């Protein structure tokens, strides 16, 4: 299963995200805090381009979970390019 390939819709992405056992960071707020991400100021306080795997997973979880509480949140993260930057960072980490 490949996420972010450009042909999947957001609903498909979210469904695939939840299908990836063990990928979601169930303690994502603590992970974000540990890495100095100020959740009060939003996603822009995160330096995803230099993130490690734990932070990248927490950020994607933050985006997906945020949409459950605020309709349109995920769309905003996609439109501003943050989700793409997270996926690119995951790809970079995977390729070593």
Foldseek 3Di string as FASTA:
>chain_A
DDPPPPPDDPVRNLVVCVVPPPLADPPLVVLCVVVPQDPVVPDVSDPLLPDDSSNLSSVVNCQSVVCVVPPCSVVVCVVVCNVVSSSVSVVVNVVD
